[in-house]
Amino acid sequence: QVRVVESGGGLVQPGGSLRLSCAVSGSTFSVTTMGWYRQAPGKQRELVAETSPGDTAKYLPSVEARFTISRDNAKNTMYLQINNLKPEDSGVYYCNVNLLNGGAYWGQGTHVTVSS
């Protein structure tokens, strides 16, 4: 079993920065791909960044210049650094964790609101 908890969201002015965290506990030894998804109000959830062991991080093209995904395996935590925040970045950010056995887990999400 895997538990996924996101944190770090909040209300930020345009141009500001945030670092989101995704803490994973449980069967972390079998974690493979991890990703950050975003769901804006009234829109579908979309993948904004993902990281896999031994592979280059992948990004949604529209955010690649401002988002950086990273993971600290020693802490079982994944991060998403978001710079130069824009109003269209607002939404709920979810962490997705995939296991070698094909299992996939989601956190409860962390809210990001970009507004002046």
N, C-alpha and C. Protein backbone atom coordinates (compact mmCIF):
# COMPACT_ATOMS: atom_id res chain seq x y z
N GLN A 1 0.85 -1.19 0.00
CA GLN A 1 0.00 0.00 0.00
C GLN A 1 0.88 1.23 0.00
N VAL A 2 0.42 2.28 -0.67
CA VAL A 2 1.17 3.52 -0.79
C VAL A 2 0.28 4.68 -0.38
N ARG A 3 0.85 5.60 0.38
CA ARG A 3 0.11 6.81 0.76
C ARG A 3 0.81 7.99 0.12
N VAL A 4 0.02 8.88 -0.48
CA VAL A 4 0.55 10.03 -1.22
C VAL A 4 -0.06 11.30 -0.63
N VAL A 5 0.79 12.23 -0.25
CA VAL A 5 0.31 13.48 0.35
C VAL A 5 1.00 14.67 -0.30
N GLU A 6 0.20 15.54 -0.92
CA GLU A 6 0.73 16.76 -1.52
C GLU A 6 0.64 17.91 -0.52
N SER A 7 1.52 18.88 -0.71
CA SER A 7 1.50 20.09 0.09
C SER A 7 2.20 21.20 -0.68
N GLY A 8 2.08 22.42 -0.17
CA GLY A 8 2.80 23.54 -0.75
C GLY A 8 1.98 24.51 -1.57
N GLY A 9 0.71 24.20 -1.79
CA GLY A 9 -0.13 25.11 -2.55
C GLY A 9 -0.49 26.35 -1.75
N GLY A 10 -1.15 27.28 -2.43
CA GLY A 10 -1.57 28.50 -1.74
C GLY A 10 -1.98 29.56 -2.72
N LEU A 11 -2.17 30.76 -2.18
CA LEU A 11 -2.53 31.93 -2.99
C LEU A 11 -1.26 32.72 -3.29
N VAL A 12 -0.99 32.94 -4.55
CA VAL A 12 0.23 33.61 -4.97
C VAL A 12 -0.11 34.67 -6.01
N GLN A 13 0.62 35.76 -5.98
CA GLN A 13 0.43 36.79 -7.00
C GLN A 13 1.09 36.37 -8.31
N PRO A 14 0.60 36.84 -9.42
CA PRO A 14 1.25 36.56 -10.70
C PRO A 14 2.73 36.94 -10.66
N GLY A 15 3.55 36.09 -11.22
CA GLY A 15 4.99 36.32 -11.19
C GLY A 15 5.70 35.67 -10.01
N GLY A 16 4.93 35.20 -9.05
CA GLY A 16 5.51 34.57 -7.88
C GLY A 16 5.93 33.14 -8.14
N SER A 17 6.40 32.49 -7.08
CA SER A 17 6.88 31.10 -7.19
C SER A 17 6.28 30.26 -6.08
N LEU A 18 6.23 28.97 -6.35
CA LEU A 18 5.79 28.00 -5.35
C LEU A 18 6.60 26.72 -5.54
N ARG A 19 6.78 25.98 -4.45
CA ARG A 19 7.33 24.64 -4.57
C ARG A 19 6.35 23.67 -3.94
N LEU A 20 5.82 22.81 -4.77
CA LEU A 20 4.90 21.78 -4.30
C LEU A 20 5.68 20.54 -3.92
N SER A 21 5.19 19.86 -2.90
CA SER A 21 5.85 18.63 -2.45
C SER A 21 4.86 17.47 -2.50
N CYS A 22 5.39 16.29 -2.76
CA CYS A 22 4.58 15.07 -2.77
C CYS A 22 5.34 14.03 -1.95
N ALA A 23 4.83 13.75 -0.77
CA ALA A 23 5.48 12.78 0.12
C ALA A 23 4.82 11.42 -0.06
N VAL A 24 5.66 10.40 -0.26
CA VAL A 24 5.17 9.05 -0.51
C VAL A 24 5.62 8.14 0.63
N SER A 25 4.71 7.36 1.16
CA SER A 25 5.05 6.40 2.22
C SER A 25 4.43 5.05 1.88
N GLY A 26 4.99 4.00 2.48
CA GLY A 26 4.50 2.66 2.20
C GLY A 26 5.50 1.90 1.35
N SER A 27 5.03 1.26 0.30
CA SER A 27 5.88 0.41 -0.55
C SER A 27 6.67 1.25 -1.55
N THR A 28 7.49 2.13 -1.03
CA THR A 28 8.21 3.08 -1.89
C THR A 28 9.30 2.44 -2.71
N PHE A 29 9.74 1.23 -2.34
CA PHE A 29 10.84 0.60 -3.06
C PHE A 29 10.45 0.24 -4.48
N SER A 30 9.16 0.16 -4.76
CA SER A 30 8.71 -0.27 -6.08
C SER A 30 8.13 0.89 -6.91
N VAL A 31 8.39 2.11 -6.48
CA VAL A 31 7.86 3.27 -7.21
C VAL A 31 8.64 3.47 -8.50
N THR A 32 7.94 3.69 -9.59
CA THR A 32 8.59 3.97 -10.87
C THR A 32 8.29 5.41 -11.28
N THR A 33 7.42 5.59 -12.25
CA THR A 33 7.10 6.94 -12.74
C THR A 33 6.26 7.69 -11.71
N MET A 34 6.61 8.95 -11.53
CA MET A 34 5.83 9.86 -10.69
C MET A 34 5.51 11.08 -11.52
N GLY A 35 4.33 11.63 -11.30
CA GLY A 35 3.95 12.78 -12.10
C GLY A 35 3.10 13.77 -11.33
N TRP A 36 3.10 14.99 -11.83
CA TRP A 36 2.24 16.05 -11.33
C TRP A 36 1.16 16.33 -12.38
N TYR A 37 -0.08 16.33 -11.92
CA TYR A 37 -1.21 16.66 -12.77
C TYR A 37 -1.88 17.93 -12.23
N ARG A 38 -2.53 18.63 -13.13
CA ARG A 38 -3.24 19.86 -12.76
C ARG A 38 -4.66 19.77 -13.27
N GLN A 39 -5.59 20.20 -12.43
CA GLN A 39 -6.99 20.29 -12.87
C GLN A 39 -7.53 21.66 -12.54
N ALA A 40 -7.78 22.43 -13.59
CA ALA A 40 -8.37 23.75 -13.44
C ALA A 40 -9.89 23.60 -13.35
N PRO A 41 -10.56 24.58 -12.74
CA PRO A 41 -12.02 24.51 -12.62
C PRO A 41 -12.68 24.30 -13.98
N GLY A 42 -13.54 23.30 -14.07
CA GLY A 42 -14.27 23.05 -15.30
C GLY A 42 -13.47 22.39 -16.40
N LYS A 43 -12.24 21.99 -16.10
CA LYS A 43 -11.39 21.38 -17.12
C LYS A 43 -10.95 19.99 -16.70
N GLN A 44 -10.46 19.24 -17.67
CA GLN A 44 -9.96 17.90 -17.37
C GLN A 44 -8.60 17.97 -16.70
N ARG A 45 -8.31 16.94 -15.95
CA ARG A 45 -6.99 16.84 -15.33
C ARG A 45 -5.96 16.61 -16.42
N GLU A 46 -4.82 17.34 -16.34
CA GLU A 46 -3.78 17.20 -17.35
C GLU A 46 -2.43 16.97 -16.69
N LEU A 47 -1.60 16.21 -17.38
CA LEU A 47 -0.25 15.96 -16.91
C LEU A 47 0.63 17.16 -17.21
N VAL A 48 1.27 17.71 -16.18
CA VAL A 48 2.16 18.86 -16.42
C VAL A 48 3.63 18.47 -16.36
N ALA A 49 3.97 17.42 -15.60
CA ALA A 49 5.36 17.00 -15.52
C ALA A 49 5.43 15.58 -14.96
N GLU A 50 6.42 14.83 -15.43
CA GLU A 50 6.61 13.49 -14.87
C GLU A 50 8.08 13.12 -14.90
N THR A 51 8.45 12.24 -13.99
CA THR A 51 9.83 11.81 -13.87
C THR A 51 9.86 10.29 -13.66
N SER A 52 10.79 9.66 -14.35
CA SER A 52 10.98 8.22 -14.24
C SER A 52 12.46 7.94 -13.97
N PRO A 53 12.77 6.90 -13.23
CA PRO A 53 14.18 6.59 -12.95
C PRO A 53 14.97 6.40 -14.23
N GLY A 54 16.09 7.09 -14.33
CA GLY A 54 16.96 6.93 -15.48
C GLY A 54 16.47 7.59 -16.75
N ASP A 55 15.43 8.40 -16.66
CA ASP A 55 14.87 9.02 -17.85
C ASP A 55 14.79 10.53 -17.67
N THR A 56 14.79 11.23 -18.78
CA THR A 56 14.67 12.69 -18.74
C THR A 56 13.25 13.08 -18.35
N ALA A 57 13.14 14.10 -17.53
CA ALA A 57 11.82 14.57 -17.13
C ALA A 57 11.04 15.06 -18.35
N LYS A 58 9.74 14.87 -18.28
CA LYS A 58 8.86 15.31 -19.37
C LYS A 58 7.92 16.38 -18.85
N TYR A 59 7.63 17.36 -19.72
CA TYR A 59 6.78 18.48 -19.33
C TYR A 59 5.72 18.76 -20.39
N LEU A 60 4.61 19.32 -19.91
CA LEU A 60 3.64 19.91 -20.82
C LEU A 60 4.36 21.09 -21.50
N PRO A 61 4.36 21.17 -22.81
CA PRO A 61 5.14 22.21 -23.49
C PRO A 61 4.87 23.63 -22.99
N SER A 62 3.64 23.91 -22.63
CA SER A 62 3.30 25.28 -22.24
C SER A 62 3.87 25.67 -20.88
N VAL A 63 4.38 24.70 -20.11
CA VAL A 63 4.92 25.04 -18.79
C VAL A 63 6.40 24.73 -18.67
N GLU A 64 6.98 24.13 -19.68
CA GLU A 64 8.35 23.61 -19.57
C GLU A 64 9.37 24.66 -19.14
N ALA A 65 9.19 25.89 -19.56
CA ALA A 65 10.18 26.93 -19.23
C ALA A 65 10.06 27.40 -17.79
N ARG A 66 8.96 27.07 -17.11
CA ARG A 66 8.72 27.62 -15.77
C ARG A 66 8.60 26.56 -14.68
N PHE A 67 8.39 25.32 -15.07
CA PHE A 67 8.19 24.23 -14.11
C PHE A 67 9.43 23.34 -14.07
N THR A 68 9.80 22.90 -12.87
CA THR A 68 10.88 21.94 -12.72
C THR A 68 10.46 20.84 -11.76
N ILE A 69 10.50 19.61 -12.25
CA ILE A 69 10.15 18.46 -11.42
C ILE A 69 11.43 17.82 -10.91
N SER A 70 11.39 17.37 -9.67
CA SER A 70 12.55 16.68 -9.11
C SER A 70 12.07 15.69 -8.06
N ARG A 71 12.94 14.76 -7.70
CA ARG A 71 12.58 13.79 -6.67
C ARG A 71 13.79 13.50 -5.80
N ASP A 72 13.54 13.38 -4.52
CA ASP A 72 14.56 13.03 -3.56
C ASP A 72 14.22 11.63 -3.07
N ASN A 73 14.89 10.64 -3.62
CA ASN A 73 14.55 9.25 -3.29
C ASN A 73 14.84 8.93 -1.83
N ALA A 74 15.83 9.59 -1.25
CA ALA A 74 16.15 9.33 0.15
C ALA A 74 15.01 9.78 1.06
N LYS A 75 14.29 10.81 0.64
CA LYS A 75 13.17 11.33 1.43
C LYS A 75 11.83 10.85 0.91
N ASN A 76 11.85 10.04 -0.16
CA ASN A 76 10.59 9.57 -0.78
C ASN A 76 9.66 10.73 -1.08
N THR A 77 10.23 11.78 -1.65
CA THR A 77 9.47 13.00 -1.92
C THR A 77 9.76 13.50 -3.32
N MET A 78 8.72 13.96 -3.97
CA MET A 78 8.85 14.58 -5.28
C MET A 78 8.44 16.04 -5.15
N TYR A 79 9.05 16.88 -5.96
CA TYR A 79 8.78 18.32 -5.89
C TYR A 79 8.39 18.85 -7.27
N LEU A 80 7.70 19.97 -7.24
CA LEU A 80 7.44 20.72 -8.46
C LEU A 80 7.69 22.19 -8.16
N GLN A 81 8.76 22.71 -8.71
CA GLN A 81 9.07 24.13 -8.58
C GLN A 81 8.37 24.88 -9.70
N ILE A 82 7.56 25.86 -9.35
CA ILE A 82 6.83 26.63 -10.35
C ILE A 82 7.25 28.09 -10.21
N ASN A 83 7.81 28.63 -11.26
CA ASN A 83 8.26 30.02 -11.27
C ASN A 83 7.39 30.86 -12.20
N ASN A 84 7.42 32.17 -11.98
CA ASN A 84 6.67 33.09 -12.83
C ASN A 84 5.22 32.62 -13.00
N LEU A 85 4.57 32.41 -11.89
CA LEU A 85 3.21 31.88 -11.92
C LEU A 85 2.27 32.80 -12.68
N LYS A 86 1.35 32.16 -13.40
CA LYS A 86 0.35 32.88 -14.18
C LYS A 86 -1.04 32.47 -13.71
N PRO A 87 -2.03 33.32 -13.92
CA PRO A 87 -3.39 32.96 -13.49
C PRO A 87 -3.86 31.61 -14.06
N GLU A 88 -3.42 31.28 -15.26
CA GLU A 88 -3.83 30.01 -15.86
C GLU A 88 -3.17 28.80 -15.21
N ASP A 89 -2.24 29.02 -14.30
CA ASP A 89 -1.65 27.92 -13.54
C ASP A 89 -2.55 27.51 -12.36
N SER A 90 -3.57 28.30 -12.10
CA SER A 90 -4.45 27.99 -10.97
C SER A 90 -5.16 26.66 -11.17
N GLY A 91 -5.36 25.97 -10.05
CA GLY A 91 -6.05 24.70 -10.10
C GLY A 91 -5.62 23.83 -8.94
N VAL A 92 -6.06 22.60 -8.99
CA VAL A 92 -5.64 21.62 -7.99
C VAL A 92 -4.53 20.77 -8.60
N TYR A 93 -3.44 20.67 -7.90
CA TYR A 93 -2.29 19.90 -8.37
C TYR A 93 -2.27 18.57 -7.64
N TYR A 94 -2.25 17.50 -8.42
CA TYR A 94 -2.27 16.14 -7.88
C TYR A 94 -0.96 15.43 -8.18
N CYS A 95 -0.57 14.61 -7.25
CA CYS A 95 0.62 13.77 -7.42
C CYS A 95 0.16 12.36 -7.77
N ASN A 96 0.79 11.78 -8.76
CA ASN A 96 0.49 10.42 -9.20
C ASN A 96 1.73 9.56 -9.03
N VAL A 97 1.56 8.41 -8.42
CA VAL A 97 2.68 7.51 -8.15
C VAL A 97 2.37 6.15 -8.76
N ASN A 98 3.28 5.63 -9.53
CA ASN A 98 3.10 4.34 -10.18
C ASN A 98 4.08 3.31 -9.63
N LEU A 99 3.61 2.08 -9.50
CA LEU A 99 4.44 1.01 -8.96
C LEU A 99 4.80 0.01 -10.05
N LEU A 100 5.84 -0.77 -9.77
CA LEU A 100 6.29 -1.81 -10.70
C LEU A 100 5.19 -2.82 -11.00
N ASN A 101 4.31 -3.08 -10.04
CA ASN A 101 3.26 -4.08 -10.25
C ASN A 101 2.06 -3.52 -10.99
N GLY A 102 2.17 -2.27 -11.43
CA GLY A 102 1.10 -1.66 -12.20
C GLY A 102 0.13 -0.82 -11.39
N GLY A 103 0.28 -0.84 -10.08
CA GLY A 103 -0.58 -0.03 -9.23
C GLY A 103 -0.32 1.45 -9.41
N ALA A 104 -1.35 2.25 -9.24
CA ALA A 104 -1.22 3.70 -9.36
C ALA A 104 -1.98 4.36 -8.21
N TYR A 105 -1.37 5.36 -7.61
CA TYR A 105 -1.94 6.02 -6.46
C TYR A 105 -1.96 7.53 -6.67
N TRP A 106 -2.96 8.15 -6.08
CA TRP A 106 -3.13 9.60 -6.17
C TRP A 106 -3.21 10.19 -4.77
N GLY A 107 -2.75 11.43 -4.65
CA GLY A 107 -2.95 12.17 -3.43
C GLY A 107 -4.27 12.91 -3.49
N GLN A 108 -4.53 13.69 -2.43
CA GLN A 108 -5.79 14.43 -2.34
C GLN A 108 -5.73 15.76 -3.07
N GLY A 109 -4.53 16.16 -3.48
CA GLY A 109 -4.37 17.40 -4.22
C GLY A 109 -4.04 18.58 -3.33
N THR A 110 -3.38 19.56 -3.93
CA THR A 110 -3.09 20.81 -3.24
C THR A 110 -3.50 21.95 -4.16
N HIS A 111 -4.18 22.94 -3.58
CA HIS A 111 -4.76 24.02 -4.37
C HIS A 111 -3.75 25.14 -4.63
N VAL A 112 -3.70 25.58 -5.86
CA VAL A 112 -2.89 26.72 -6.24
C VAL A 112 -3.80 27.77 -6.86
N THR A 113 -3.74 28.97 -6.31
CA THR A 113 -4.51 30.08 -6.86
C THR A 113 -3.56 31.23 -7.16
N VAL A 114 -3.57 31.65 -8.40
CA VAL A 114 -2.70 32.76 -8.82
C VAL A 114 -3.59 33.95 -9.13
N SER A 115 -3.49 34.96 -8.29
CA SER A 115 -4.36 36.10 -8.43
C SER A 115 -3.75 37.31 -7.75
N SER A 116 -4.03 38.48 -8.32
CA SER A 116 -3.56 39.71 -7.69
C SER A 116 -4.63 40.29 -6.79
